[in-house]
N, C-alpha and C. Protein backbone atom coordinates (compact mmCIF):
# COMPACT_ATOMS: atom_id res chain seq x y z
N MET A 1 -27.56 -38.81 44.02
CA MET A 1 -26.75 -38.72 42.79
C MET A 1 -25.73 -37.62 42.72
N PRO A 2 -24.51 -37.78 42.49
CA PRO A 2 -23.56 -36.67 42.49
C PRO A 2 -23.76 -35.83 41.16
N SER A 3 -23.37 -34.46 41.37
CA SER A 3 -23.66 -33.60 40.24
C SER A 3 -22.57 -32.42 40.37
N ALA A 4 -22.41 -31.77 39.27
CA ALA A 4 -21.42 -30.76 39.13
C ALA A 4 -21.66 -29.47 38.53
N SER A 5 -21.35 -28.40 38.80
CA SER A 5 -21.61 -27.12 38.07
C SER A 5 -20.59 -26.87 36.90
N VAL A 6 -21.03 -26.22 36.04
CA VAL A 6 -20.04 -25.78 34.93
C VAL A 6 -19.73 -24.44 35.13
N THR A 7 -18.45 -24.28 35.20
CA THR A 7 -17.75 -22.80 35.37
C THR A 7 -18.07 -22.00 34.06
N SER A 8 -17.58 -20.65 34.18
CA SER A 8 -17.79 -19.81 33.05
C SER A 8 -16.79 -20.36 31.92
N LYS A 9 -15.68 -21.10 32.18
CA LYS A 9 -14.81 -21.47 31.34
C LYS A 9 -15.21 -23.01 30.62
N GLY A 10 -16.39 -23.26 31.07
CA GLY A 10 -16.87 -24.72 30.58
C GLY A 10 -16.13 -25.97 31.28
N GLN A 11 -15.57 -25.62 32.50
CA GLN A 11 -14.95 -26.76 33.26
C GLN A 11 -15.93 -27.32 34.28
N ILE A 12 -15.78 -28.60 34.68
CA ILE A 12 -16.26 -29.00 35.81
C ILE A 12 -15.35 -29.73 36.78
N THR A 13 -15.93 -29.99 37.94
CA THR A 13 -14.82 -30.68 38.82
C THR A 13 -15.68 -32.11 39.16
N LEU A 14 -15.07 -33.13 38.87
CA LEU A 14 -15.74 -34.46 39.15
C LEU A 14 -15.94 -34.75 40.68
N PRO A 15 -17.07 -34.93 40.99
CA PRO A 15 -17.30 -35.16 42.54
C PRO A 15 -16.27 -36.23 42.91
N LYS A 16 -16.01 -36.43 44.16
CA LYS A 16 -15.11 -37.35 44.78
C LYS A 16 -15.58 -38.79 44.59
N GLU A 17 -16.89 -38.97 44.73
CA GLU A 17 -17.50 -40.21 44.71
C GLU A 17 -17.35 -40.67 43.01
N VAL A 18 -17.52 -39.85 42.34
CA VAL A 18 -17.35 -40.13 40.89
C VAL A 18 -16.04 -40.58 40.60
N ARG A 19 -14.89 -39.73 40.92
CA ARG A 19 -13.50 -39.93 40.83
C ARG A 19 -13.15 -41.27 41.38
N ASP A 20 -13.58 -41.57 42.61
CA ASP A 20 -13.30 -42.90 43.28
C ASP A 20 -13.67 -44.12 42.54
N ASN A 21 -15.27 -43.77 42.10
CA ASN A 21 -15.67 -44.95 41.30
C ASN A 21 -14.89 -45.19 39.88
N LEU A 22 -14.52 -44.09 39.37
CA LEU A 22 -13.84 -44.22 38.05
C LEU A 22 -12.35 -44.83 38.22
N GLY A 23 -11.84 -44.48 39.41
CA GLY A 23 -10.41 -44.86 39.72
C GLY A 23 -9.47 -43.86 39.12
N VAL A 24 -9.94 -42.44 39.04
CA VAL A 24 -9.10 -41.50 38.38
C VAL A 24 -8.46 -40.55 39.58
N ARG A 25 -7.30 -40.09 39.14
CA ARG A 25 -6.63 -39.01 40.28
C ARG A 25 -6.13 -37.95 39.46
N THR A 26 -5.62 -37.06 40.15
CA THR A 26 -5.02 -35.77 39.62
C THR A 26 -4.01 -36.09 38.44
N GLY A 27 -4.36 -35.45 37.26
CA GLY A 27 -3.63 -35.70 36.11
C GLY A 27 -4.05 -36.66 35.16
N ASP A 28 -5.02 -37.57 35.71
CA ASP A 28 -5.62 -38.68 34.78
C ASP A 28 -6.58 -37.99 33.72
N ARG A 29 -6.86 -38.70 32.72
CA ARG A 29 -7.69 -38.22 31.69
C ARG A 29 -9.10 -38.97 31.74
N VAL A 30 -10.01 -38.30 31.41
CA VAL A 30 -11.48 -39.06 31.30
C VAL A 30 -12.04 -38.75 29.89
N ALA A 31 -12.80 -39.72 29.32
CA ALA A 31 -13.26 -39.60 27.88
C ALA A 31 -14.88 -39.33 28.07
N PHE A 32 -15.38 -38.51 27.21
CA PHE A 32 -16.75 -38.34 27.17
C PHE A 32 -17.30 -38.98 25.90
N ARG A 33 -17.93 -40.05 25.90
CA ARG A 33 -18.36 -40.79 24.72
C ARG A 33 -19.94 -40.70 24.52
N PHE A 34 -20.34 -40.25 23.28
CA PHE A 34 -21.78 -40.20 23.02
C PHE A 34 -22.31 -41.70 22.67
N GLY A 35 -23.35 -42.07 23.59
CA GLY A 35 -23.84 -43.37 23.46
C GLY A 35 -24.90 -43.51 22.50
N SER A 36 -25.33 -44.74 21.96
CA SER A 36 -26.19 -44.89 21.18
C SER A 36 -27.60 -44.54 21.55
N ASP A 37 -27.87 -44.47 22.82
CA ASP A 37 -29.19 -44.10 23.44
C ASP A 37 -29.18 -42.58 23.64
N GLY A 38 -28.17 -41.73 23.03
CA GLY A 38 -28.27 -40.21 23.07
C GLY A 38 -27.74 -39.67 24.47
N ARG A 39 -27.15 -40.56 25.20
CA ARG A 39 -26.53 -40.09 26.46
C ARG A 39 -24.97 -40.09 26.44
N TYR A 40 -24.44 -39.31 27.15
CA TYR A 40 -22.83 -39.35 27.16
C TYR A 40 -22.41 -40.25 28.27
N VAL A 41 -21.47 -41.02 28.13
CA VAL A 41 -20.78 -41.97 29.09
C VAL A 41 -19.50 -41.42 29.39
N ILE A 42 -19.26 -41.23 30.66
CA ILE A 42 -17.81 -40.84 31.15
C ILE A 42 -16.89 -41.96 31.48
N GLU A 43 -15.84 -42.17 30.82
CA GLU A 43 -14.97 -43.35 30.96
C GLU A 43 -13.58 -42.85 31.41
N ALA A 44 -12.89 -43.54 32.37
CA ALA A 44 -11.41 -43.19 32.60
C ALA A 44 -10.68 -43.70 31.45
N GLU A 45 -9.64 -42.72 31.13
CA GLU A 45 -8.66 -43.02 30.17
C GLU A 45 -7.36 -43.29 30.80
N THR A 46 -7.32 -43.86 31.95
CA THR A 46 -6.05 -44.28 32.57
C THR A 46 -5.39 -45.39 31.99
N LEU A 47 -4.22 -45.49 32.05
CA LEU A 47 -3.35 -46.57 31.31
C LEU A 47 -2.48 -47.21 32.39
N ASP A 48 -2.50 -48.31 32.57
CA ASP A 48 -1.55 -49.07 33.42
C ASP A 48 -0.41 -49.46 32.58
N LEU A 49 0.73 -49.32 33.00
CA LEU A 49 1.93 -49.79 32.06
C LEU A 49 1.84 -51.34 31.84
N LEU A 50 1.35 -52.10 32.79
CA LEU A 50 1.26 -53.54 32.48
C LEU A 50 0.30 -53.55 31.26
N ASP A 51 -0.69 -52.78 31.11
CA ASP A 51 -1.48 -53.07 29.69
C ASP A 51 -0.79 -53.12 28.55
N ILE A 52 0.50 -52.30 28.47
CA ILE A 52 1.15 -52.19 27.21
C ILE A 52 2.43 -53.15 27.14
N GLU A 53 2.40 -53.99 28.17
CA GLU A 53 3.70 -54.84 28.36
C GLU A 53 3.77 -55.77 27.00
N GLY A 54 5.05 -55.59 26.51
CA GLY A 54 5.31 -56.49 25.27
C GLY A 54 4.92 -55.72 23.98
N ALA A 55 4.39 -54.57 24.16
CA ALA A 55 4.07 -53.78 22.90
C ALA A 55 5.42 -53.31 22.01
N ILE A 56 6.47 -53.29 22.78
CA ILE A 56 7.74 -52.75 22.20
C ILE A 56 8.76 -53.93 22.54
N THR A 57 9.17 -54.51 21.47
CA THR A 57 10.27 -55.43 21.69
C THR A 57 11.79 -54.96 21.67
N PRO A 58 12.64 -55.04 22.35
CA PRO A 58 14.00 -54.65 22.19
C PRO A 58 14.52 -55.19 20.94
N ARG A 59 15.48 -54.40 20.33
CA ARG A 59 16.20 -54.77 19.25
C ARG A 59 17.38 -55.49 19.68
N ARG A 60 17.63 -56.77 19.05
CA ARG A 60 18.74 -57.65 19.70
C ARG A 60 19.66 -57.70 18.43
N ARG A 61 21.02 -57.50 18.80
CA ARG A 61 21.86 -57.42 17.82
C ARG A 61 22.80 -58.86 18.23
N GLY A 62 23.02 -59.68 17.33
CA GLY A 62 23.92 -60.83 17.57
C GLY A 62 25.44 -60.33 17.60
N VAL A 63 26.17 -60.95 18.56
CA VAL A 63 27.58 -60.69 18.68
C VAL A 63 28.31 -61.98 18.60
N THR A 64 29.30 -62.01 17.68
CA THR A 64 30.09 -63.40 17.75
C THR A 64 31.24 -63.29 18.82
N VAL A 65 31.61 -64.42 19.15
CA VAL A 65 32.73 -64.69 19.97
C VAL A 65 33.95 -64.03 19.53
N GLU A 66 34.16 -64.20 18.15
CA GLU A 66 35.32 -63.52 17.50
C GLU A 66 35.43 -62.05 17.73
N SER A 67 34.32 -61.48 17.46
CA SER A 67 34.05 -59.99 17.51
C SER A 67 34.39 -59.53 19.04
N MET A 68 33.93 -60.33 20.07
CA MET A 68 34.08 -59.89 21.35
C MET A 68 35.48 -60.00 21.88
N LYS A 69 36.27 -61.14 21.11
CA LYS A 69 37.81 -61.27 21.47
C LYS A 69 38.45 -60.00 20.91
N ARG A 70 38.08 -59.55 19.53
CA ARG A 70 38.76 -58.42 19.01
C ARG A 70 38.69 -57.26 19.82
N VAL A 71 37.51 -56.87 20.38
CA VAL A 71 37.18 -55.73 21.16
C VAL A 71 37.92 -55.97 22.52
N VAL A 72 38.09 -57.07 23.12
CA VAL A 72 38.92 -57.13 24.32
C VAL A 72 40.41 -57.06 24.19
N ARG A 73 40.84 -57.48 22.93
CA ARG A 73 42.33 -57.29 22.68
C ARG A 73 42.52 -55.89 22.51
N ARG A 74 41.75 -55.19 21.69
CA ARG A 74 41.85 -53.63 21.45
C ARG A 74 41.89 -52.84 22.59
N ARG A 75 40.75 -53.15 23.62
CA ARG A 75 40.85 -52.40 24.79
C ARG A 75 42.03 -52.77 25.76
N GLY A 76 42.38 -53.96 25.53
CA GLY A 76 43.58 -54.28 26.51
C GLY A 76 44.87 -53.68 25.98
N ALA A 77 44.88 -53.26 24.67
CA ALA A 77 46.06 -52.72 24.17
C ALA A 77 45.94 -50.92 24.35
N GLY A 78 44.73 -50.76 24.83
CA GLY A 78 44.64 -49.17 24.98
C GLY A 78 43.87 -48.48 23.86
N ALA A 79 43.38 -49.24 22.86
CA ALA A 79 42.63 -48.49 21.70
C ALA A 79 41.18 -48.29 22.14
N ARG A 80 40.81 -47.21 21.57
CA ARG A 80 39.42 -46.89 21.91
C ARG A 80 38.28 -47.53 21.05
N ARG A 81 38.66 -47.91 19.86
CA ARG A 81 37.76 -48.57 18.90
C ARG A 81 38.52 -49.42 18.08
C-alpha cells in the first residue's frame, strides 16, 4: 500500500502509483472529501475541456443583407464607418 510522509509545512507528495491511478499530473488539483464512514477520500479534480463543451454559447447577432451592402459601399468609398 502506498504511503507518504507529511513535511513540516503540512505537505505530502502523492506516490507515483497513486498519481497514476488518479490520472493526475503536475499542476492538477486533488480534493480531500470526508466520507460518511469517517474516512477521507482523495479524488482528482482534473477537468477535461470536453466536459464543459456547450456550457457557453456564442452570442449571435443577425445581419441583414441591406446592412452588409451599406458597409461594402462605404468601405469601397474609403470610409471607415
